[in-house]
Amino acid sequence: MTSTAYRGSVDGLGSSLPISTMLPAVFADDDLAQRFVGGLDDVIAPILNVLDCLDTYFDPALTPVDFAQWLGSWVGAETDGTEPEARLRAAVAAAARLHRVRGTRRGLSEAVRLAFGVDPDITESGAADWNARPLGRFPGTPRPHLHVALRLPDPTPADTHRLDTLVAAARPAHMPYTVEVTASERTPER
């Protein structure tokens, strides 16, 4: 049988605001009343502790890891629960900024870098150009396409699926795409 730790079950956590101090004087010497509210203090103490530290729960650098995962789902961070803690916290912290550049090359590149820790190679069909003469050649290719290549030290099929899911979410909505995950070249050790 496995035991699950819950945020509310903290042994020996004292209440920052004991109920016994708020009882009328007639109950100050009543043993039953003091034990009863002492039990309530044990139940309410974790709640008061969270409320006393509430601002830290919304800071991705300070919040507990399980809450950072929930916070990531709340702000729409592109995480899947398998990333290391530092990368999870960075993705949650960057989520609002990434929503502003979602659908752009920069936004896609940043989302992939946050998920994998490696900068991707992005090839796209679009382009922009200026010419003083009208009726010039259009830049880019007429058929829209996006290709994202990623080099990882030890790629797995799960990495390809993760990259595909990430690109599908962060690309421009109208853009067909392909993804490729390959092994990075290792430098010989001396």
N, C-alpha and C. Protein backbone atom coordinates (compact mmCIF):
# COMPACT_ATOMS: atom_id res chain seq x y z
N MET A 1 0.85 -1.18 0.00
CA MET A 1 0.00 0.00 0.00
C MET A 1 0.89 1.24 0.00
N THR A 2 0.64 2.14 -0.90
CA THR A 2 1.44 3.37 -0.97
C THR A 2 0.73 4.48 -0.23
N SER A 3 1.52 5.31 0.41
CA SER A 3 0.91 6.44 1.11
C SER A 3 1.10 7.70 0.26
N THR A 4 0.08 8.49 0.17
CA THR A 4 0.11 9.72 -0.59
C THR A 4 0.18 10.89 0.38
N ALA A 5 1.14 11.76 0.16
CA ALA A 5 1.26 12.95 1.02
C ALA A 5 0.33 14.04 0.50
N TYR A 6 -0.47 14.55 1.37
CA TYR A 6 -1.37 15.64 1.01
C TYR A 6 -0.87 16.91 1.67
N ARG A 7 -1.13 18.02 1.05
CA ARG A 7 -0.66 19.29 1.58
C ARG A 7 -1.27 19.56 2.96
N GLY A 8 -2.45 19.06 3.25
CA GLY A 8 -3.12 19.34 4.51
C GLY A 8 -2.66 18.51 5.68
N SER A 9 -1.92 17.44 5.46
CA SER A 9 -1.53 16.57 6.57
C SER A 9 -0.09 16.83 6.97
N VAL A 10 0.11 17.83 7.80
CA VAL A 10 1.44 18.19 8.28
C VAL A 10 1.46 17.94 9.78
N ASP A 11 2.20 16.91 10.19
CA ASP A 11 2.26 16.57 11.61
C ASP A 11 2.95 17.67 12.40
N GLY A 12 2.36 18.03 13.53
CA GLY A 12 2.96 19.00 14.42
C GLY A 12 2.86 20.45 13.98
N LEU A 13 2.11 20.71 12.94
CA LEU A 13 1.97 22.09 12.47
C LEU A 13 1.05 22.84 13.41
N GLY A 14 1.56 23.87 14.03
CA GLY A 14 0.76 24.67 14.94
C GLY A 14 -0.07 25.71 14.18
N SER A 15 -1.16 26.08 14.78
CA SER A 15 -2.04 27.08 14.16
C SER A 15 -1.51 28.48 14.44
N SER A 16 -1.54 29.31 13.42
CA SER A 16 -1.12 30.70 13.62
C SER A 16 -2.20 31.51 14.34
N LEU A 17 -3.39 30.96 14.43
CA LEU A 17 -4.50 31.63 15.10
C LEU A 17 -5.32 30.58 15.86
N PRO A 18 -4.84 30.13 17.04
CA PRO A 18 -5.55 29.08 17.79
C PRO A 18 -6.97 29.51 18.17
N ILE A 19 -7.90 28.61 18.00
CA ILE A 19 -9.30 28.90 18.31
C ILE A 19 -9.50 29.07 19.81
N SER A 20 -8.71 28.36 20.60
CA SER A 20 -8.89 28.43 22.06
C SER A 20 -8.69 29.85 22.60
N THR A 21 -7.92 30.67 21.92
CA THR A 21 -7.72 32.05 22.38
C THR A 21 -8.92 32.93 22.07
N MET A 22 -9.81 32.45 21.22
CA MET A 22 -10.98 33.24 20.84
C MET A 22 -12.25 32.80 21.57
N LEU A 23 -12.14 31.76 22.40
CA LEU A 23 -13.32 31.28 23.13
C LEU A 23 -13.65 32.23 24.28
N PRO A 24 -14.92 32.29 24.66
CA PRO A 24 -15.29 33.09 25.84
C PRO A 24 -14.56 32.56 27.09
N ALA A 25 -14.40 33.41 28.09
CA ALA A 25 -13.65 33.06 29.30
C ALA A 25 -14.22 31.86 30.02
N VAL A 26 -15.51 31.63 29.93
CA VAL A 26 -16.14 30.51 30.63
C VAL A 26 -15.59 29.16 30.13
N PHE A 27 -15.06 29.11 28.89
CA PHE A 27 -14.53 27.87 28.33
C PHE A 27 -13.01 27.76 28.49
N ALA A 28 -12.37 28.75 29.07
CA ALA A 28 -10.92 28.75 29.21
C ALA A 28 -10.43 27.58 30.06
N ASP A 29 -11.18 27.18 31.10
CA ASP A 29 -10.78 26.08 31.97
C ASP A 29 -11.51 24.78 31.64
N ASP A 30 -12.36 24.78 30.63
CA ASP A 30 -13.12 23.58 30.27
C ASP A 30 -12.24 22.67 29.41
N ASP A 31 -11.87 21.50 29.98
CA ASP A 31 -10.97 20.58 29.29
C ASP A 31 -11.58 20.05 27.99
N LEU A 32 -12.86 19.71 28.00
CA LEU A 32 -13.51 19.19 26.80
C LEU A 32 -13.52 20.23 25.69
N ALA A 33 -13.84 21.46 25.99
CA ALA A 33 -13.87 22.53 24.98
C ALA A 33 -12.47 22.78 24.42
N GLN A 34 -11.45 22.76 25.30
CA GLN A 34 -10.08 23.00 24.84
C GLN A 34 -9.59 21.87 23.93
N ARG A 35 -9.90 20.61 24.28
CA ARG A 35 -9.51 19.48 23.41
C ARG A 35 -10.28 19.51 22.09
N PHE A 36 -11.55 19.89 22.13
CA PHE A 36 -12.36 19.95 20.92
C PHE A 36 -11.82 20.99 19.94
N VAL A 37 -11.56 22.19 20.43
CA VAL A 37 -11.04 23.23 19.52
C VAL A 37 -9.59 22.95 19.14
N GLY A 38 -8.86 22.21 19.99
CA GLY A 38 -7.51 21.79 19.63
C GLY A 38 -7.52 20.87 18.42
N GLY A 39 -8.51 19.99 18.36
CA GLY A 39 -8.68 19.13 17.17
C GLY A 39 -9.03 19.95 15.94
N LEU A 40 -9.86 20.96 16.12
CA LEU A 40 -10.19 21.83 14.99
C LEU A 40 -8.95 22.61 14.53
N ASP A 41 -8.11 23.01 15.48
CA ASP A 41 -6.87 23.71 15.12
C ASP A 41 -5.98 22.83 14.24
N ASP A 42 -5.92 21.52 14.56
CA ASP A 42 -5.11 20.61 13.75
C ASP A 42 -5.63 20.52 12.32
N VAL A 43 -6.93 20.63 12.15
CA VAL A 43 -7.53 20.55 10.81
C VAL A 43 -7.38 21.87 10.06
N ILE A 44 -7.51 22.98 10.78
CA ILE A 44 -7.51 24.30 10.14
C ILE A 44 -6.09 24.86 9.96
N ALA A 45 -5.10 24.40 10.73
CA ALA A 45 -3.74 24.94 10.67
C ALA A 45 -3.13 24.89 9.26
N PRO A 46 -3.25 23.78 8.51
CA PRO A 46 -2.68 23.79 7.15
C PRO A 46 -3.35 24.82 6.23
N ILE A 47 -4.63 25.03 6.42
CA ILE A 47 -5.35 26.01 5.59
C ILE A 47 -4.83 27.42 5.90
N LEU A 48 -4.68 27.71 7.19
CA LEU A 48 -4.15 29.02 7.58
C LEU A 48 -2.71 29.20 7.11
N ASN A 49 -1.93 28.12 7.13
CA ASN A 49 -0.56 28.18 6.66
C ASN A 49 -0.51 28.52 5.17
N VAL A 50 -1.37 27.90 4.38
CA VAL A 50 -1.42 28.19 2.95
C VAL A 50 -1.86 29.63 2.72
N LEU A 51 -2.86 30.09 3.46
CA LEU A 51 -3.33 31.47 3.29
C LEU A 51 -2.27 32.48 3.70
N ASP A 52 -1.49 32.16 4.74
CA ASP A 52 -0.41 33.06 5.17
C ASP A 52 0.67 33.18 4.10
N CYS A 53 0.85 32.14 3.30
CA CYS A 53 1.91 32.12 2.28
C CYS A 53 1.33 32.11 0.86
N LEU A 54 0.12 32.60 0.69
CA LEU A 54 -0.58 32.46 -0.58
C LEU A 54 0.17 33.07 -1.76
N ASP A 55 0.83 34.19 -1.57
CA ASP A 55 1.54 34.81 -2.69
C ASP A 55 2.64 33.92 -3.24
N THR A 56 3.27 33.11 -2.39
CA THR A 56 4.33 32.23 -2.88
C THR A 56 3.78 31.10 -3.73
N TYR A 57 2.53 30.75 -3.55
CA TYR A 57 1.93 29.69 -4.36
C TYR A 57 1.74 30.11 -5.81
N PHE A 58 1.71 31.40 -6.07
CA PHE A 58 1.51 31.87 -7.45
C PHE A 58 2.81 32.36 -8.08
N ASP A 59 3.93 32.13 -7.42
CA ASP A 59 5.25 32.42 -7.98
C ASP A 59 5.85 31.09 -8.41
N PRO A 60 6.04 30.87 -9.72
CA PRO A 60 6.54 29.57 -10.17
C PRO A 60 7.88 29.18 -9.58
N ALA A 61 8.69 30.13 -9.16
CA ALA A 61 9.99 29.81 -8.58
C ALA A 61 9.88 29.33 -7.13
N LEU A 62 8.81 29.66 -6.44
CA LEU A 62 8.69 29.35 -5.02
C LEU A 62 7.64 28.29 -4.68
N THR A 63 6.68 28.08 -5.55
CA THR A 63 5.58 27.18 -5.25
C THR A 63 6.04 25.72 -5.18
N PRO A 64 5.36 24.87 -4.43
CA PRO A 64 5.68 23.44 -4.45
C PRO A 64 5.51 22.88 -5.87
N VAL A 65 6.25 21.82 -6.18
CA VAL A 65 6.27 21.28 -7.55
C VAL A 65 4.88 20.84 -8.01
N ASP A 66 4.13 20.15 -7.15
CA ASP A 66 2.81 19.69 -7.57
C ASP A 66 1.88 20.87 -7.87
N PHE A 67 2.03 21.94 -7.12
CA PHE A 67 1.21 23.12 -7.38
C PHE A 67 1.69 23.83 -8.64
N ALA A 68 3.00 23.77 -8.92
CA ALA A 68 3.53 24.36 -10.16
C ALA A 68 2.96 23.64 -11.37
N GLN A 69 2.78 22.32 -11.28
CA GLN A 69 2.17 21.57 -12.38
C GLN A 69 0.72 22.02 -12.58
N TRP A 70 -0.02 22.17 -11.49
CA TRP A 70 -1.41 22.63 -11.60
C TRP A 70 -1.44 24.05 -12.13
N LEU A 71 -0.54 24.90 -11.64
CA LEU A 71 -0.48 26.28 -12.10
C LEU A 71 -0.17 26.34 -13.59
N GLY A 72 0.67 25.42 -14.06
CA GLY A 72 0.97 25.34 -15.49
C GLY A 72 -0.26 25.03 -16.31
N SER A 73 -1.12 24.15 -15.82
CA SER A 73 -2.36 23.86 -16.55
C SER A 73 -3.31 25.06 -16.50
N TRP A 74 -3.22 25.82 -15.45
CA TRP A 74 -4.09 26.99 -15.26
C TRP A 74 -3.72 28.11 -16.23
N VAL A 75 -2.41 28.32 -16.44
CA VAL A 75 -1.97 29.41 -17.32
C VAL A 75 -1.70 28.94 -18.75
N GLY A 76 -1.91 27.65 -19.04
CA GLY A 76 -1.74 27.14 -20.39
C GLY A 76 -0.29 26.92 -20.79
N ALA A 77 0.57 26.56 -19.84
CA ALA A 77 1.96 26.25 -20.16
C ALA A 77 2.01 24.94 -20.93
N GLU A 78 2.90 24.86 -21.90
CA GLU A 78 3.04 23.66 -22.72
C GLU A 78 3.93 22.66 -21.99
N THR A 79 3.37 21.97 -20.98
CA THR A 79 4.10 20.97 -20.23
C THR A 79 3.34 19.65 -20.27
N ASP A 80 4.07 18.56 -20.06
CA ASP A 80 3.39 17.26 -20.06
C ASP A 80 3.64 16.46 -18.78
N GLY A 81 4.34 17.04 -17.82
CA GLY A 81 4.57 16.38 -16.55
C GLY A 81 5.83 15.55 -16.49
N THR A 82 6.57 15.44 -17.59
CA THR A 82 7.79 14.65 -17.60
C THR A 82 9.05 15.51 -17.54
N GLU A 83 8.92 16.80 -17.67
CA GLU A 83 10.09 17.67 -17.69
C GLU A 83 10.68 17.82 -16.29
N PRO A 84 11.98 18.11 -16.23
CA PRO A 84 12.60 18.35 -14.92
C PRO A 84 11.99 19.58 -14.24
N GLU A 85 12.16 19.64 -12.93
CA GLU A 85 11.54 20.71 -12.15
C GLU A 85 11.93 22.10 -12.64
N ALA A 86 13.20 22.32 -12.93
CA ALA A 86 13.64 23.65 -13.37
C ALA A 86 12.98 24.04 -14.68
N ARG A 87 12.85 23.10 -15.60
CA ARG A 87 12.22 23.39 -16.89
C ARG A 87 10.72 23.62 -16.72
N LEU A 88 10.09 22.88 -15.81
CA LEU A 88 8.67 23.09 -15.52
C LEU A 88 8.43 24.49 -15.00
N ARG A 89 9.24 24.92 -14.03
CA ARG A 89 9.08 26.25 -13.45
C ARG A 89 9.32 27.34 -14.50
N ALA A 90 10.30 27.15 -15.38
CA ALA A 90 10.57 28.13 -16.44
C ALA A 90 9.41 28.20 -17.43
N ALA A 91 8.81 27.06 -17.76
CA ALA A 91 7.68 27.04 -18.69
C ALA A 91 6.46 27.74 -18.10
N VAL A 92 6.21 27.53 -16.81
CA VAL A 92 5.07 28.18 -16.16
C VAL A 92 5.30 29.69 -16.09
N ALA A 93 6.53 30.09 -15.77
CA ALA A 93 6.84 31.52 -15.68
C ALA A 93 6.73 32.21 -17.04
N ALA A 94 7.03 31.49 -18.12
CA ALA A 94 7.03 32.09 -19.46
C ALA A 94 5.69 31.97 -20.17
N ALA A 95 4.72 31.30 -19.59
CA ALA A 95 3.46 31.02 -20.29
C ALA A 95 2.74 32.27 -20.79
N ALA A 96 2.60 33.28 -19.97
CA ALA A 96 1.88 34.49 -20.38
C ALA A 96 2.61 35.19 -21.52
N ARG A 97 3.94 35.26 -21.43
CA ARG A 97 4.73 35.89 -22.49
C ARG A 97 4.62 35.09 -23.79
N LEU A 98 4.60 33.77 -23.68
CA LEU A 98 4.49 32.93 -24.89
C LEU A 98 3.12 33.06 -25.56
N HIS A 99 2.09 33.31 -24.79
CA HIS A 99 0.76 33.48 -25.40
C HIS A 99 0.73 34.72 -26.30
N ARG A 100 1.52 35.73 -25.98
CA ARG A 100 1.56 36.93 -26.82
C ARG A 100 2.23 36.67 -28.16
N VAL A 101 3.15 35.71 -28.23
CA VAL A 101 3.86 35.44 -29.48
C VAL A 101 3.48 34.08 -30.08
N ARG A 102 2.38 33.52 -29.61
CA ARG A 102 1.91 32.22 -30.10
C ARG A 102 1.59 32.33 -31.59
N GLY A 103 2.00 31.31 -32.34
CA GLY A 103 1.75 31.30 -33.77
C GLY A 103 2.86 31.95 -34.58
N THR A 104 3.88 32.46 -33.91
CA THR A 104 5.01 33.07 -34.61
C THR A 104 6.21 32.14 -34.51
N ARG A 105 7.19 32.38 -35.35
CA ARG A 105 8.42 31.58 -35.32
C ARG A 105 9.10 31.69 -33.96
N ARG A 106 9.17 32.89 -33.44
CA ARG A 106 9.79 33.11 -32.14
C ARG A 106 9.06 32.37 -31.03
N GLY A 107 7.73 32.42 -31.05
CA GLY A 107 6.94 31.74 -30.04
C GLY A 107 7.10 30.23 -30.11
N LEU A 108 7.12 29.68 -31.32
CA LEU A 108 7.30 28.24 -31.50
C LEU A 108 8.69 27.82 -31.03
N SER A 109 9.69 28.58 -31.40
CA SER A 109 11.07 28.27 -31.00
C SER A 109 11.22 28.29 -29.48
N GLU A 110 10.64 29.28 -28.84
CA GLU A 110 10.73 29.39 -27.38
C GLU A 110 9.98 28.26 -26.69
N ALA A 111 8.81 27.88 -27.22
CA ALA A 111 8.04 26.79 -26.62
C ALA A 111 8.80 25.47 -26.71
N VAL A 112 9.43 25.21 -27.84
CA VAL A 112 10.21 23.98 -28.01
C VAL A 112 11.44 24.01 -27.11
N ARG A 113 12.10 25.16 -27.02
CA ARG A 113 13.28 25.27 -26.15
C ARG A 113 12.91 25.04 -24.70
N LEU A 114 11.78 25.57 -24.26
CA LEU A 114 11.36 25.36 -22.87
C LEU A 114 10.99 23.90 -22.61
N ALA A 115 10.42 23.22 -23.59
CA ALA A 115 10.00 21.84 -23.40
C ALA A 115 11.17 20.86 -23.45
N PHE A 116 12.15 21.12 -24.32
CA PHE A 116 13.23 20.17 -24.53
C PHE A 116 14.59 20.66 -24.06
N GLY A 117 14.75 21.95 -23.82
CA GLY A 117 16.03 22.49 -23.42
C GLY A 117 17.01 22.67 -24.56
N VAL A 118 16.53 22.56 -25.81
CA VAL A 118 17.36 22.66 -27.01
C VAL A 118 16.66 23.56 -28.00
N ASP A 119 17.41 24.41 -28.70
CA ASP A 119 16.82 25.26 -29.74
C ASP A 119 16.54 24.43 -30.98
N PRO A 120 15.35 24.56 -31.57
CA PRO A 120 15.01 23.79 -32.78
C PRO A 120 15.49 24.49 -34.05
N ASP A 121 15.56 23.73 -35.14
CA ASP A 121 15.78 24.30 -36.47
C ASP A 121 14.41 24.40 -37.12
N ILE A 122 13.98 25.62 -37.43
CA ILE A 122 12.65 25.83 -38.00
C ILE A 122 12.80 26.33 -39.43
N THR A 123 12.12 25.64 -40.35
CA THR A 123 12.09 26.05 -41.75
C THR A 123 10.64 26.30 -42.10
N GLU A 124 10.37 27.48 -42.66
CA GLU A 124 9.00 27.81 -43.03
C GLU A 124 8.95 28.35 -44.45
N SER A 125 7.79 28.28 -45.04
CA SER A 125 7.64 28.66 -46.44
C SER A 125 7.42 30.15 -46.65
N GLY A 126 6.99 30.86 -45.66
CA GLY A 126 6.67 32.27 -45.81
C GLY A 126 7.89 33.16 -45.85
N ALA A 127 7.71 34.35 -46.35
CA ALA A 127 8.80 35.33 -46.40
C ALA A 127 8.20 36.71 -46.57
N ALA A 128 9.01 37.71 -46.40
CA ALA A 128 8.60 39.10 -46.60
C ALA A 128 9.70 39.80 -47.39
N ASP A 129 9.29 40.68 -48.29
CA ASP A 129 10.26 41.37 -49.13
C ASP A 129 9.66 42.70 -49.55
N TRP A 130 10.50 43.59 -50.02
CA TRP A 130 10.05 44.88 -50.51
C TRP A 130 10.78 45.14 -51.82
N ASN A 131 10.04 45.71 -52.78
CA ASN A 131 10.64 46.01 -54.08
C ASN A 131 10.01 47.29 -54.60
N ALA A 132 10.81 48.17 -55.13
CA ALA A 132 10.30 49.44 -55.67
C ALA A 132 9.54 49.22 -56.97
N ARG A 133 9.81 48.14 -57.64
CA ARG A 133 9.12 47.86 -58.90
C ARG A 133 7.93 46.95 -58.65
N PRO A 134 6.76 47.30 -59.18
CA PRO A 134 5.59 46.44 -58.99
C PRO A 134 5.70 45.16 -59.83
N LEU A 135 4.83 44.25 -59.55
CA LEU A 135 4.72 42.98 -60.27
C LEU A 135 5.99 42.14 -60.17
N GLY A 136 6.69 42.25 -59.06
CA GLY A 136 7.88 41.44 -58.84
C GLY A 136 7.50 40.05 -58.35
N ARG A 137 8.48 39.22 -58.22
CA ARG A 137 8.28 37.86 -57.75
C ARG A 137 7.89 37.88 -56.27
N PHE A 138 6.92 37.05 -55.89
CA PHE A 138 6.52 36.93 -54.50
C PHE A 138 7.59 36.15 -53.74
N PRO A 139 7.91 36.57 -52.53
CA PRO A 139 8.91 35.84 -51.75
C PRO A 139 8.33 34.55 -51.17
N GLY A 140 9.21 33.65 -50.78
CA GLY A 140 8.76 32.40 -50.17
C GLY A 140 8.27 31.42 -51.22
N THR A 141 7.60 30.39 -50.77
CA THR A 141 7.03 29.40 -51.69
C THR A 141 5.52 29.50 -51.66
N PRO A 142 4.86 29.17 -52.79
CA PRO A 142 3.41 29.34 -52.83
C PRO A 142 2.64 28.38 -51.92
N ARG A 143 3.20 27.24 -51.61
CA ARG A 143 2.51 26.26 -50.77
C ARG A 143 3.02 26.41 -49.33
N PRO A 144 2.14 26.72 -48.38
CA PRO A 144 2.59 26.93 -47.00
C PRO A 144 3.06 25.61 -46.37
N HIS A 145 4.14 25.69 -45.62
CA HIS A 145 4.64 24.51 -44.93
C HIS A 145 5.60 24.94 -43.81
N LEU A 146 5.62 24.15 -42.75
CA LEU A 146 6.47 24.39 -41.60
C LEU A 146 7.18 23.09 -41.25
N HIS A 147 8.48 23.14 -41.06
CA HIS A 147 9.25 21.96 -40.67
C HIS A 147 10.07 22.31 -39.44
N VAL A 148 9.93 21.50 -38.40
CA VAL A 148 10.67 21.71 -37.15
C VAL A 148 11.55 20.49 -36.91
N ALA A 149 12.86 20.73 -36.89
CA ALA A 149 13.84 19.68 -36.63
C ALA A 149 14.48 19.92 -35.29
N LEU A 150 14.67 18.84 -34.56
CA LEU A 150 15.22 18.94 -33.21
C LEU A 150 16.31 17.88 -33.05
N ARG A 151 17.44 18.29 -32.52
CA ARG A 151 18.55 17.36 -32.26
C ARG A 151 18.67 17.18 -30.76
N LEU A 152 18.49 15.92 -30.33
CA LEU A 152 18.57 15.58 -28.91
C LEU A 152 19.69 14.57 -28.68
N PRO A 153 20.28 14.55 -27.48
CA PRO A 153 21.35 13.60 -27.21
C PRO A 153 20.90 12.13 -27.32
N ASP A 154 19.77 11.79 -26.73
CA ASP A 154 19.23 10.43 -26.78
C ASP A 154 17.75 10.48 -27.11
N PRO A 155 17.40 10.65 -28.40
CA PRO A 155 15.98 10.78 -28.74
C PRO A 155 15.23 9.45 -28.60
N THR A 156 13.95 9.57 -28.26
CA THR A 156 13.06 8.42 -28.16
C THR A 156 11.82 8.71 -28.99
N PRO A 157 11.02 7.69 -29.32
CA PRO A 157 9.76 7.94 -30.03
C PRO A 157 8.83 8.88 -29.26
N ALA A 158 8.93 8.86 -27.93
CA ALA A 158 8.10 9.77 -27.12
C ALA A 158 8.47 11.22 -27.38
N ASP A 159 9.75 11.49 -27.67
CA ASP A 159 10.18 12.85 -27.97
C ASP A 159 9.55 13.35 -29.26
N THR A 160 9.46 12.45 -30.27
CA THR A 160 8.83 12.83 -31.53
C THR A 160 7.35 13.14 -31.31
N HIS A 161 6.69 12.31 -30.52
CA HIS A 161 5.27 12.56 -30.24
C HIS A 161 5.10 13.87 -29.46
N ARG A 162 5.95 14.11 -28.49
CA ARG A 162 5.88 15.35 -27.70
C ARG A 162 6.11 16.57 -28.58
N LEU A 163 7.10 16.50 -29.48
CA LEU A 163 7.37 17.61 -30.39
C LEU A 163 6.18 17.84 -31.33
N ASP A 164 5.60 16.75 -31.83
CA ASP A 164 4.44 16.87 -32.72
C ASP A 164 3.28 17.55 -32.01
N THR A 165 3.03 17.15 -30.78
CA THR A 165 1.95 17.75 -29.99
C THR A 165 2.22 19.23 -29.73
N LEU A 166 3.47 19.54 -29.40
CA LEU A 166 3.84 20.92 -29.11
C LEU A 166 3.73 21.81 -30.34
N VAL A 167 4.21 21.34 -31.48
CA VAL A 167 4.15 22.14 -32.71
C VAL A 167 2.70 22.32 -33.15
N ALA A 168 1.89 21.27 -33.00
CA ALA A 168 0.47 21.39 -33.37
C ALA A 168 -0.23 22.47 -32.55
N ALA A 169 0.17 22.64 -31.31
CA ALA A 169 -0.46 23.64 -30.45
C ALA A 169 0.10 25.04 -30.67
N ALA A 170 1.39 25.17 -31.02
CA ALA A 170 2.02 26.49 -31.05
C ALA A 170 2.22 27.06 -32.45
N ARG A 171 1.90 26.33 -33.49
CA ARG A 171 2.09 26.80 -34.87
C ARG A 171 0.95 27.72 -35.28
N PRO A 172 1.11 28.42 -36.40
CA PRO A 172 -0.03 29.14 -36.95
C PRO A 172 -1.12 28.13 -37.33
N ALA A 173 -2.35 28.44 -37.08
CA ALA A 173 -3.44 27.48 -37.24
C ALA A 173 -3.60 26.96 -38.66
N HIS A 174 -3.28 27.75 -39.66
CA HIS A 174 -3.49 27.34 -41.05
C HIS A 174 -2.31 26.59 -41.65
N MET A 175 -1.23 26.46 -40.92
CA MET A 175 0.04 25.98 -41.48
C MET A 175 0.21 24.47 -41.32
N PRO A 176 0.30 23.72 -42.44
CA PRO A 176 0.65 22.30 -42.33
C PRO A 176 2.11 22.18 -41.88
N TYR A 177 2.43 21.09 -41.20
CA TYR A 177 3.77 21.00 -40.63
C TYR A 177 4.28 19.56 -40.62
N THR A 178 5.58 19.43 -40.45
CA THR A 178 6.24 18.15 -40.20
C THR A 178 7.25 18.36 -39.08
N VAL A 179 7.54 17.29 -38.36
CA VAL A 179 8.54 17.36 -37.30
C VAL A 179 9.55 16.24 -37.49
N GLU A 180 10.74 16.48 -36.97
CA GLU A 180 11.81 15.50 -37.09
C GLU A 180 12.68 15.59 -35.85
N VAL A 181 12.92 14.46 -35.22
CA VAL A 181 13.80 14.40 -34.05
C VAL A 181 14.95 13.46 -34.39
N THR A 182 16.17 13.96 -34.31
CA THR A 182 17.35 13.16 -34.62
C THR A 182 18.33 13.24 -33.46
N ALA A 183 19.30 12.33 -33.49
CA ALA A 183 20.33 12.32 -32.46
C ALA A 183 21.36 13.39 -32.77
N SER A 184 21.76 14.10 -31.76
CA SER A 184 22.80 15.12 -31.95
C SER A 184 24.17 14.43 -32.02
N GLU A 185 25.07 15.07 -32.74
CA GLU A 185 26.40 14.50 -32.85
C GLU A 185 27.13 14.67 -31.54
N ARG A 186 27.76 13.61 -31.12
CA ARG A 186 28.50 13.65 -29.86
C ARG A 186 29.95 14.01 -30.15
N THR A 187 30.48 14.86 -29.31
CA THR A 187 31.89 15.22 -29.47
C THR A 187 32.74 14.17 -28.75
N PRO A 188 33.83 13.75 -29.37
CA PRO A 188 34.66 12.72 -28.71
C PRO A 188 35.29 13.26 -27.43
N GLU A 189 35.29 12.41 -26.42
CA GLU A 189 35.86 12.80 -25.12
C GLU A 189 37.36 12.64 -25.18
N ARG A 190 38.05 13.54 -24.52
CA ARG A 190 39.52 13.48 -24.51
C ARG A 190 40.01 13.01 -23.19
